[in-house]
Amino acid sequence: MKGTRTTVAEVLEMLVNGMSAVDIGEDFPAIRAAQVRACLLYAAYRESIVLQAAA
């Protein structure tokens, strides 16, 4: 994610491990809740591309 030195994959891993957007923001002040939501939207979009290609 631009300007955070954190990747989308790292944020998704934090979410999978039970952290909330608030938790992530507390541990990583450079990451805002909107950026966490953007990571989820990006992952959902990428997943839809994979599923459509497989169909």
C-alpha atoms as a PDB file:
ATOM      1  CA  MET A   1       0.000   0.000   0.000  1.00  0.00           C
ATOM      2  CA  LYS A   2       1.437   3.275  -1.126  1.00  0.00           C
ATOM      3  CA  GLY A   3       3.286   5.159   1.586  1.00  0.00           C
ATOM      4  CA  THR A   4       2.856   2.526   4.306  1.00  0.00           C
ATOM      5  CA  ARG A   5       5.587  -0.050   3.648  1.00  0.00           C
ATOM      6  CA  THR A   6       2.850  -2.643   4.110  1.00  0.00           C
ATOM      7  CA  THR A   7       1.485  -4.890   1.383  1.00  0.00           C
ATOM      8  CA  VAL A   8      -2.130  -5.771   0.687  1.00  0.00           C
ATOM      9  CA  ALA A   9      -1.245  -9.388   1.455  1.00  0.00           C
ATOM     10  CA  GLU A  10       0.065  -8.394   4.886  1.00  0.00           C
ATOM     11  CA  VAL A  11      -3.123  -6.484   5.689  1.00  0.00           C
ATOM     12  CA  LEU A  12      -5.259  -9.415   4.542  1.00  0.00           C
ATOM     13  CA  GLU A  13      -3.199 -11.757   6.702  1.00  0.00           C
ATOM     14  CA  MET A  14      -3.787  -9.508   9.723  1.00  0.00           C
ATOM     15  CA  LEU A  15      -7.534  -9.615   9.047  1.00  0.00           C
ATOM     16  CA  VAL A  16      -7.493 -13.401   8.662  1.00  0.00           C
ATOM     17  CA  ASN A  17      -5.705 -13.628  11.996  1.00  0.00           C
ATOM     18  CA  GLY A  18      -8.571 -11.791  13.692  1.00  0.00           C
ATOM     19  CA  MET A  19      -7.424  -8.184  13.720  1.00  0.00           C
ATOM     20  CA  SER A  20     -10.030  -5.522  13.000  1.00  0.00           C
ATOM     21  CA  ALA A  21      -9.438  -2.406  10.927  1.00  0.00           C
ATOM     22  CA  VAL A  22      -9.218  -0.497  14.220  1.00  0.00           C
ATOM     23  CA  ASP A  23      -6.609  -2.938  15.569  1.00  0.00           C
ATOM     24  CA  ILE A  24      -4.545  -2.575  12.411  1.00  0.00           C
ATOM     25  CA  GLY A  25      -4.757   1.213  12.616  1.00  0.00           C
ATOM     26  CA  GLU A  26      -3.604   1.144  16.234  1.00  0.00           C
ATOM     27  CA  ASP A  27      -0.639  -1.108  15.456  1.00  0.00           C
ATOM     28  CA  PHE A  28       0.197   0.641  12.183  1.00  0.00           C
ATOM     29  CA  PRO A  29      -0.716   4.345  12.438  1.00  0.00           C
ATOM     30  CA  ALA A  30       0.085   4.926   8.754  1.00  0.00           C
ATOM     31  CA  ILE A  31      -2.804   2.626   7.781  1.00  0.00           C
ATOM     32  CA  ARG A  32      -6.315   4.069   7.956  1.00  0.00           C
ATOM     33  CA  ALA A  33      -9.557   2.085   8.110  1.00  0.00           C
ATOM     34  CA  ALA A  34     -10.382   3.229   4.572  1.00  0.00           C
ATOM     35  CA  GLN A  35      -7.155   1.636   3.351  1.00  0.00           C
ATOM     36  CA  VAL A  36      -8.066  -1.649   5.040  1.00  0.00           C
ATOM     37  CA  ARG A  37     -11.445  -1.565   3.267  1.00  0.00           C
ATOM     38  CA  ALA A  38      -9.655  -0.819   0.003  1.00  0.00           C
ATOM     39  CA  CYS A  39      -7.511  -3.930   0.535  1.00  0.00           C
ATOM     40  CA  LEU A  40     -10.654  -6.017   0.961  1.00  0.00           C
ATOM     41  CA  LEU A  41     -12.223  -4.554  -2.168  1.00  0.00           C
ATOM     42  CA  TYR A  42      -9.033  -5.193  -4.128  1.00  0.00           C
ATOM     43  CA  ALA A  43      -8.898  -8.805  -2.924  1.00  0.00           C
ATOM     44  CA  ALA A  44     -12.571  -9.347  -3.800  1.00  0.00           C
ATOM     45  CA  TYR A  45     -12.011  -7.870  -7.256  1.00  0.00           C
ATOM     46  CA  ARG A  46      -8.968 -10.078  -7.865  1.00  0.00           C
ATOM     47  CA  GLU A  47     -10.895 -13.130  -6.679  1.00  0.00           C
ATOM     48  CA  SER A  48     -13.756 -12.381  -9.085  1.00  0.00           C
ATOM     49  CA  ILE A  49     -11.290 -12.225 -11.980  1.00  0.00           C
ATOM     50  CA  VAL A  50      -9.868 -15.627 -11.026  1.00  0.00           C
ATOM     51  CA  LEU A  51     -13.336 -17.160 -10.658  1.00  0.00           C
ATOM     52  CA  GLN A  52     -14.510 -15.766 -14.005  1.00  0.00           C
ATOM     53  CA  ALA A  53     -11.395 -17.038 -15.758  1.00  0.00           C
ATOM     54  CA  ALA A  54     -11.901 -20.506 -14.288  1.00  0.00           C
ATOM     55  CA  ALA A  55     -15.557 -20.703 -15.354  1.00  0.00           C
END
